[in-house]
Amino acid sequence: MIYVADTQSVPANNPGFKQGIRVGSVKDGKVTAFIPEASAEVGNPEGITVDDQGNIYGGFVGKMNVRRYVKQ
C-alpha cells in the first residue's frame, strides 16, 4: 500500500483532481481510497502515517495539529 497527501492539486496545475489523502496499491497503481480535504480552514495534512490497524494520521504543519482517520 502507498499513502499520499496531496496538497498541490488545484484547477490551475492539476485539473480534475481534488486535494486530500490518496491510498492505493503499489502493485498496480490504483487508488483504492480517498480522504477529501475536511475544510478550507483545516486544509490538508502535509505528512501522513498509518498504524497497524489501518488508521491514518495526518500531520498539519501550519496548524500544529494531528488528525486521525479511522478505517471503517
PDB file of N, CA and C in Angstrom:
ATOM      1  N   MET A   1       0.846  -1.183   0.000  1.00  0.00           N
ATOM      2  CA  MET A   1       0.000   0.000   0.000  1.00  0.00           C
ATOM      3  C   MET A   1       0.886   1.239   0.000  1.00  0.00           C
ATOM      4  N   ILE A   2       0.338   2.297  -0.586  1.00  0.00           N
ATOM      5  CA  ILE A   2       1.017   3.590  -0.553  1.00  0.00           C
ATOM      6  C   ILE A   2       0.000   4.640  -0.114  1.00  0.00           C
ATOM      7  N   TYR A   3       0.454   5.579   0.689  1.00  0.00           N
ATOM      8  CA  TYR A   3      -0.392   6.637   1.241  1.00  0.00           C
ATOM      9  C   TYR A   3       0.239   7.965   0.850  1.00  0.00           C
ATOM     10  N   VAL A   4      -0.552   8.833   0.215  1.00  0.00           N
ATOM     11  CA  VAL A   4      -0.021  10.084  -0.305  1.00  0.00           C
ATOM     12  C   VAL A   4      -0.913  11.251   0.104  1.00  0.00           C
ATOM     13  N   ALA A   5      -0.292  12.290   0.663  1.00  0.00           N
ATOM     14  CA  ALA A   5      -1.009  13.524   0.991  1.00  0.00           C
ATOM     15  C   ALA A   5      -0.835  14.483  -0.180  1.00  0.00           C
ATOM     16  N   ASP A   6      -1.931  14.868  -0.805  1.00  0.00           N
ATOM     17  CA  ASP A   6      -1.909  15.770  -1.959  1.00  0.00           C
ATOM     18  C   ASP A   6      -2.395  17.148  -1.538  1.00  0.00           C
ATOM     19  N   THR A   7      -1.469  18.090  -1.425  1.00  0.00           N
ATOM     20  CA  THR A   7      -1.822  19.468  -1.076  1.00  0.00           C
ATOM     21  C   THR A   7      -1.667  20.406  -2.271  1.00  0.00           C
ATOM     22  N   GLN A   8      -1.277  19.867  -3.411  1.00  0.00           N
ATOM     23  CA  GLN A   8      -0.948  20.706  -4.562  1.00  0.00           C
ATOM     24  C   GLN A   8      -1.982  20.705  -5.687  1.00  0.00           C
ATOM     25  N   SER A   9      -2.925  19.789  -5.656  1.00  0.00           N
ATOM     26  CA  SER A   9      -3.883  19.712  -6.761  1.00  0.00           C
ATOM     27  C   SER A   9      -4.929  20.816  -6.668  1.00  0.00           C
ATOM     28  N   VAL A  10      -4.838  21.719  -7.607  1.00  0.00           N
ATOM     29  CA  VAL A  10      -5.817  22.800  -7.774  1.00  0.00           C
ATOM     30  C   VAL A  10      -6.108  22.885  -9.265  1.00  0.00           C
ATOM     31  N   PRO A  11      -7.232  23.478  -9.650  1.00  0.00           N
ATOM     32  CA  PRO A  11      -7.570  23.522 -11.073  1.00  0.00           C
ATOM     33  C   PRO A  11      -6.470  24.086 -11.970  1.00  0.00           C
ATOM     34  N   ALA A  12      -5.678  25.007 -11.463  1.00  0.00           N
ATOM     35  CA  ALA A  12      -4.642  25.623 -12.296  1.00  0.00           C
ATOM     36  C   ALA A  12      -3.504  24.664 -12.643  1.00  0.00           C
ATOM     37  N   ASN A  13      -3.145  23.751 -11.722  1.00  0.00           N
ATOM     38  CA  ASN A  13      -1.992  22.892 -12.012  1.00  0.00           C
ATOM     39  C   ASN A  13      -2.310  21.406 -12.101  1.00  0.00           C
ATOM     40  N   ASN A  14      -3.508  21.005 -11.721  1.00  0.00           N
ATOM     41  CA  ASN A  14      -3.871  19.594 -11.819  1.00  0.00           C
ATOM     42  C   ASN A  14      -5.391  19.472 -11.962  1.00  0.00           C
ATOM     43  N   PRO A  15      -5.927  19.906 -13.095  1.00  0.00           N
ATOM     44  CA  PRO A  15      -7.379  19.915 -13.288  1.00  0.00           C
ATOM     45  C   PRO A  15      -8.005  18.531 -13.099  1.00  0.00           C
ATOM     46  N   GLY A  16      -9.144  18.502 -12.424  1.00  0.00           N
ATOM     47  CA  GLY A  16      -9.871  17.264 -12.246  1.00  0.00           C
ATOM     48  C   GLY A  16      -9.514  16.487 -10.996  1.00  0.00           C
ATOM     49  N   PHE A  17      -8.484  16.916 -10.291  1.00  0.00           N
ATOM     50  CA  PHE A  17      -8.080  16.237  -9.060  1.00  0.00           C
ATOM     51  C   PHE A  17      -8.360  17.131  -7.871  1.00  0.00           C
ATOM     52  N   LYS A  18      -8.765  16.512  -6.756  1.00  0.00           N
ATOM     53  CA  LYS A  18      -9.034  17.244  -5.530  1.00  0.00           C
ATOM     54  C   LYS A  18      -7.932  16.979  -4.522  1.00  0.00           C
ATOM     55  N   GLN A  19      -7.721  17.939  -3.631  1.00  0.00           N
ATOM     56  CA  GLN A  19      -6.745  17.772  -2.571  1.00  0.00           C
ATOM     57  C   GLN A  19      -7.262  16.782  -1.534  1.00  0.00           C
ATOM     58  N   GLY A  20      -6.372  16.039  -0.935  1.00  0.00           N
ATOM     59  CA  GLY A  20      -6.742  15.081   0.092  1.00  0.00           C
ATOM     60  C   GLY A  20      -5.698  13.987   0.216  1.00  0.00           C
ATOM     61  N   ILE A  21      -6.075  12.915   0.872  1.00  0.00           N
ATOM     62  CA  ILE A  21      -5.178  11.773   1.060  1.00  0.00           C
ATOM     63  C   ILE A  21      -5.631  10.652   0.134  1.00  0.00           C
ATOM     64  N   ARG A  22      -4.691  10.129  -0.627  1.00  0.00           N
ATOM     65  CA  ARG A  22      -4.979   9.001  -1.510  1.00  0.00           C
ATOM     66  C   ARG A  22      -4.284   7.751  -0.980  1.00  0.00           C
ATOM     67  N   VAL A  23      -5.015   6.653  -1.023  1.00  0.00           N
ATOM     68  CA  VAL A  23      -4.488   5.356  -0.611  1.00  0.00           C
ATOM     69  C   VAL A  23      -4.568   4.458  -1.831  1.00  0.00           C
ATOM     70  N   GLY A  24      -3.487   3.750  -2.108  1.00  0.00           N
ATOM     71  CA  GLY A  24      -3.510   2.925  -3.298  1.00  0.00           C
ATOM     72  C   GLY A  24      -2.599   1.723  -3.218  1.00  0.00           C
ATOM     73  N   SER A  25      -2.640   0.964  -4.274  1.00  0.00           N
ATOM     74  CA  SER A  25      -1.847  -0.251  -4.400  1.00  0.00           C
ATOM     75  C   SER A  25      -0.516   0.061  -5.079  1.00  0.00           C
ATOM     76  N   VAL A  26       0.554  -0.392  -4.476  1.00  0.00           N
ATOM     77  CA  VAL A  26       1.871  -0.239  -5.085  1.00  0.00           C
ATOM     78  C   VAL A  26       1.996  -1.143  -6.310  1.00  0.00           C
ATOM     79  N   LYS A  27       1.325  -2.280  -6.288  1.00  0.00           N
ATOM     80  CA  LYS A  27       1.437  -3.256  -7.375  1.00  0.00           C
ATOM     81  C   LYS A  27       0.867  -2.748  -8.690  1.00  0.00           C
ATOM     82  N   ASP A  28      -0.352  -2.172  -8.643  1.00  0.00           N
ATOM     83  CA  ASP A  28      -0.985  -1.760  -9.902  1.00  0.00           C
ATOM     84  C   ASP A  28      -1.223  -0.260 -10.022  1.00  0.00           C
ATOM     85  N   GLY A  29      -0.917   0.506  -8.971  1.00  0.00           N
ATOM     86  CA  GLY A  29      -1.054   1.958  -9.025  1.00  0.00           C
ATOM     87  C   GLY A  29      -2.472   2.481  -8.881  1.00  0.00           C
ATOM     88  N   LYS A  30      -3.424   1.618  -8.604  1.00  0.00           N
ATOM     89  CA  LYS A  30      -4.819   2.054  -8.486  1.00  0.00           C
ATOM     90  C   LYS A  30      -5.097   2.652  -7.113  1.00  0.00           C
ATOM     91  N   VAL A  31      -5.826   3.762  -7.123  1.00  0.00           N
ATOM     92  CA  VAL A  31      -6.259   4.388  -5.879  1.00  0.00           C
ATOM     93  C   VAL A  31      -7.456   3.605  -5.354  1.00  0.00           C
ATOM     94  N   THR A  32      -7.358   3.146  -4.106  1.00  0.00           N
ATOM     95  CA  THR A  32      -8.416   2.336  -3.511  1.00  0.00           C
ATOM     96  C   THR A  32      -9.239   3.106  -2.485  1.00  0.00           C
ATOM     97  N   ALA A  33      -8.726   4.260  -2.035  1.00  0.00           N
ATOM     98  CA  ALA A  33      -9.462   5.081  -1.068  1.00  0.00           C
ATOM     99  C   ALA A  33      -9.013   6.533  -1.203  1.00  0.00           C
ATOM    100  N   PHE A  34      -9.922   7.436  -0.862  1.00  0.00           N
ATOM    101  CA  PHE A  34      -9.623   8.868  -0.923  1.00  0.00           C
ATOM    102  C   PHE A  34     -10.263   9.548   0.272  1.00  0.00           C
ATOM    103  N   ILE A  35      -9.479  10.333   0.993  1.00  0.00           N
ATOM    104  CA  ILE A  35      -9.992  11.124   2.110  1.00  0.00           C
ATOM    105  C   ILE A  35      -9.912  12.587   1.659  1.00  0.00           C
ATOM    106  N   PRO A  36     -11.056  13.218   1.399  1.00  0.00           N
ATOM    107  CA  PRO A  36     -11.039  14.598   0.897  1.00  0.00           C
ATOM    108  C   PRO A  36     -10.645  15.602   1.975  1.00  0.00           C
ATOM    109  N   GLU A  37     -10.287  16.785   1.512  1.00  0.00           N
ATOM    110  CA  GLU A  37      -9.984  17.889   2.417  1.00  0.00           C
ATOM    111  C   GLU A  37     -11.187  18.124   3.325  1.00  0.00           C
ATOM    112  N   ALA A  38     -10.947  18.198   4.629  1.00  0.00           N
ATOM    113  CA  ALA A  38     -12.045  18.382   5.593  1.00  0.00           C
ATOM    114  C   ALA A  38     -12.734  19.728   5.390  1.00  0.00           C
ATOM    115  N   SER A  39     -11.961  20.783   5.279  1.00  0.00           N
ATOM    116  CA  SER A  39     -12.483  22.121   5.015  1.00  0.00           C
ATOM    117  C   SER A  39     -11.311  23.008   4.606  1.00  0.00           C
ATOM    118  N   ALA A  40     -11.617  24.115   3.979  1.00  0.00           N
ATOM    119  CA  ALA A  40     -10.556  25.027   3.571  1.00  0.00           C
ATOM    120  C   ALA A  40      -9.813  25.573   4.789  1.00  0.00           C
ATOM    121  N   GLU A  41     -10.533  25.747   5.884  1.00  0.00           N
ATOM    122  CA  GLU A  41      -9.911  26.266   7.110  1.00  0.00           C
ATOM    123  C   GLU A  41      -8.894  25.285   7.688  1.00  0.00           C
ATOM    124  N   VAL A  42      -9.257  24.003   7.687  1.00  0.00           N
ATOM    125  CA  VAL A  42      -8.364  22.973   8.223  1.00  0.00           C
ATOM    126  C   VAL A  42      -7.251  22.675   7.229  1.00  0.00           C
ATOM    127  N   GLY A  43      -7.589  22.624   5.952  1.00  0.00           N
ATOM    128  CA  GLY A  43      -6.600  22.334   4.925  1.00  0.00           C
ATOM    129  C   GLY A  43      -6.313  20.853   4.814  1.00  0.00           C
ATOM    130  N   ASN A  44      -5.153  20.528   4.297  1.00  0.00           N
ATOM    131  CA  ASN A  44      -4.732  19.149   4.093  1.00  0.00           C
ATOM    132  C   ASN A  44      -3.458  18.859   4.864  1.00  0.00           C
ATOM    133  N   PRO A  45      -3.293  17.620   5.302  1.00  0.00           N
ATOM    134  CA  PRO A  45      -2.064  17.284   6.006  1.00  0.00           C
ATOM    135  C   PRO A  45      -0.873  17.281   5.058  1.00  0.00           C
ATOM    136  N   GLU A  46       0.273  17.607   5.602  1.00  0.00           N
ATOM    137  CA  GLU A  46       1.495  17.586   4.800  1.00  0.00           C
ATOM    138  C   GLU A  46       2.290  16.312   5.016  1.00  0.00           C
ATOM    139  N   GLY A  47       1.968  15.605   6.082  1.00  0.00           N
ATOM    140  CA  GLY A  47       2.628  14.336   6.364  1.00  0.00           C
ATOM    141  C   GLY A  47       1.598  13.344   6.855  1.00  0.00           C
ATOM    142  N   ILE A  48       1.817  12.070   6.534  1.00  0.00           N
ATOM    143  CA  ILE A  48       0.861  11.051   6.971  1.00  0.00           C
ATOM    144  C   ILE A  48       1.614   9.809   7.426  1.00  0.00           C
ATOM    145  N   THR A  49       0.962   9.062   8.280  1.00  0.00           N
ATOM    146  CA  THR A  49       1.457   7.757   8.699  1.00  0.00           C
ATOM    147  C   THR A  49       0.254   6.864   8.959  1.00  0.00           C
ATOM    148  N   VAL A  50       0.514   5.574   9.083  1.00  0.00           N
ATOM    149  CA  VAL A  50      -0.551   4.588   9.267  1.00  0.00           C
ATOM    150  C   VAL A  50      -0.137   3.640  10.384  1.00  0.00           C
ATOM    151  N   ASP A  51      -1.097   3.269  11.251  1.00  0.00           N
ATOM    152  CA  ASP A  51      -0.774   2.303  12.299  1.00  0.00           C
ATOM    153  C   ASP A  51      -1.114   0.889  11.835  1.00  0.00           C
ATOM    154  N   ASP A  52      -0.839  -0.084  12.695  1.00  0.00           N
ATOM    155  CA  ASP A  52      -1.043  -1.477  12.311  1.00  0.00           C
ATOM    156  C   ASP A  52      -2.505  -1.884  12.206  1.00  0.00           C
ATOM    157  N   GLN A  53      -3.420  -1.015  12.610  1.00  0.00           N
ATOM    158  CA  GLN A  53      -4.857  -1.279  12.472  1.00  0.00           C
ATOM    159  C   GLN A  53      -5.442  -0.610  11.224  1.00  0.00           C
ATOM    160  N   GLY A  54      -4.618   0.106  10.488  1.00  0.00           N
ATOM    161  CA  GLY A  54      -5.078   0.768   9.271  1.00  0.00           C
ATOM    162  C   GLY A  54      -5.581   2.184   9.462  1.00  0.00           C
ATOM    163  N   ASN A  55      -5.477   2.715  10.686  1.00  0.00           N
ATOM    164  CA  ASN A  55      -5.858   4.112  10.922  1.00  0.00           C
ATOM    165  C   ASN A  55      -4.796   5.027  10.323  1.00  0.00           C
ATOM    166  N   ILE A  56      -5.243   6.094   9.696  1.00  0.00           N
ATOM    167  CA  ILE A  56      -4.341   7.041   9.052  1.00  0.00           C
ATOM    168  C   ILE A  56      -4.258   8.292   9.915  1.00  0.00           C
ATOM    169  N   TYR A  57      -3.040   8.794  10.090  1.00  0.00           N
ATOM    170  CA  TYR A  57      -2.814  10.013  10.864  1.00  0.00           C
ATOM    171  C   TYR A  57      -2.226  11.066   9.938  1.00  0.00           C
ATOM    172  N   GLY A  58      -2.851  12.252   9.939  1.00  0.00           N
ATOM    173  CA  GLY A  58      -2.380  13.348   9.115  1.00  0.00           C
ATOM    174  C   GLY A  58      -1.808  14.453   9.973  1.00  0.00           C
ATOM    175  N   GLY A  59      -0.612  14.913   9.625  1.00  0.00           N
ATOM    176  CA  GLY A  59       0.036  15.999  10.356  1.00  0.00           C
ATOM    177  C   GLY A  59      -0.132  17.322   9.615  1.00  0.00           C
ATOM    178  N   PHE A  60      -0.715  18.276  10.308  1.00  0.00           N
ATOM    179  CA  PHE A  60      -0.963  19.608   9.753  1.00  0.00           C
ATOM    180  C   PHE A  60       0.080  20.562  10.302  1.00  0.00           C
ATOM    181  N   VAL A  61       1.084  20.873   9.506  1.00  0.00           N
ATOM    182  CA  VAL A  61       2.214  21.669   9.957  1.00  0.00           C
ATOM    183  C   VAL A  61       1.785  23.081  10.356  1.00  0.00           C
ATOM    184  N   GLY A  62       1.050  23.766   9.504  1.00  0.00           N
ATOM    185  CA  GLY A  62       0.632  25.140   9.776  1.00  0.00           C
ATOM    186  C   GLY A  62      -0.264  25.252  10.995  1.00  0.00           C
ATOM    187  N   LYS A  63      -1.051  24.236  11.250  1.00  0.00           N
ATOM    188  CA  LYS A  63      -1.987  24.232  12.382  1.00  0.00           C
ATOM    189  C   LYS A  63      -1.377  23.572  13.617  1.00  0.00           C
ATOM    190  N   MET A  64      -0.176  22.975  13.460  1.00  0.00           N
ATOM    191  CA  MET A  64       0.478  22.241  14.552  1.00  0.00           C
ATOM    192  C   MET A  64      -0.515  21.274  15.188  1.00  0.00           C
ATOM    193  N   ASN A  65      -1.065  20.400  14.340  1.00  0.00           N
ATOM    194  CA  ASN A  65      -2.138  19.511  14.756  1.00  0.00           C
ATOM    195  C   ASN A  65      -1.995  18.164  14.052  1.00  0.00           C
ATOM    196  N   VAL A  66      -2.590  17.136  14.659  1.00  0.00           N
ATOM    197  CA  VAL A  66      -2.642  15.807  14.060  1.00  0.00           C
ATOM    198  C   VAL A  66      -4.089  15.350  14.094  1.00  0.00           C
ATOM    199  N   ARG A  67      -4.543  14.739  12.995  1.00  0.00           N
ATOM    200  CA  ARG A  67      -5.899  14.181  12.944  1.00  0.00           C
ATOM    201  C   ARG A  67      -5.786  12.702  12.645  1.00  0.00           C
ATOM    202  N   ARG A  68      -6.711  11.948  13.238  1.00  0.00           N
ATOM    203  CA  ARG A  68      -6.758  10.501  12.986  1.00  0.00           C
ATOM    204  C   ARG A  68      -7.984  10.198  12.136  1.00  0.00           C
ATOM    205  N   TYR A  69      -7.770   9.400  11.111  1.00  0.00           N
ATOM    206  CA  TYR A  69      -8.841   8.945  10.231  1.00  0.00           C
ATOM    207  C   TYR A  69      -8.978   7.443  10.463  1.00  0.00           C
ATOM    208  N   VAL A  70     -10.112   7.031  11.011  1.00  0.00           N
ATOM    209  CA  VAL A  70     -10.325   5.643  11.404  1.00  0.00           C
ATOM    210  C   VAL A  70     -10.897   4.853  10.239  1.00  0.00           C
ATOM    211  N   LYS A  71     -10.290   3.737   9.966  1.00  0.00           N
ATOM    212  CA  LYS A  71     -10.759   2.846   8.909  1.00  0.00           C
ATOM    213  C   LYS A  71     -12.099   2.237   9.309  1.00  0.00           C
ATOM    214  N   GLN A  72     -13.080   2.331   8.410  1.00  0.00           N
ATOM    215  CA  GLN A  72     -14.419   1.789   8.718  1.00  0.00           C
ATOM    216  C   GLN A  72     -14.787   0.707   7.745  1.00  0.00           C
TER     217      GLN A  72
END
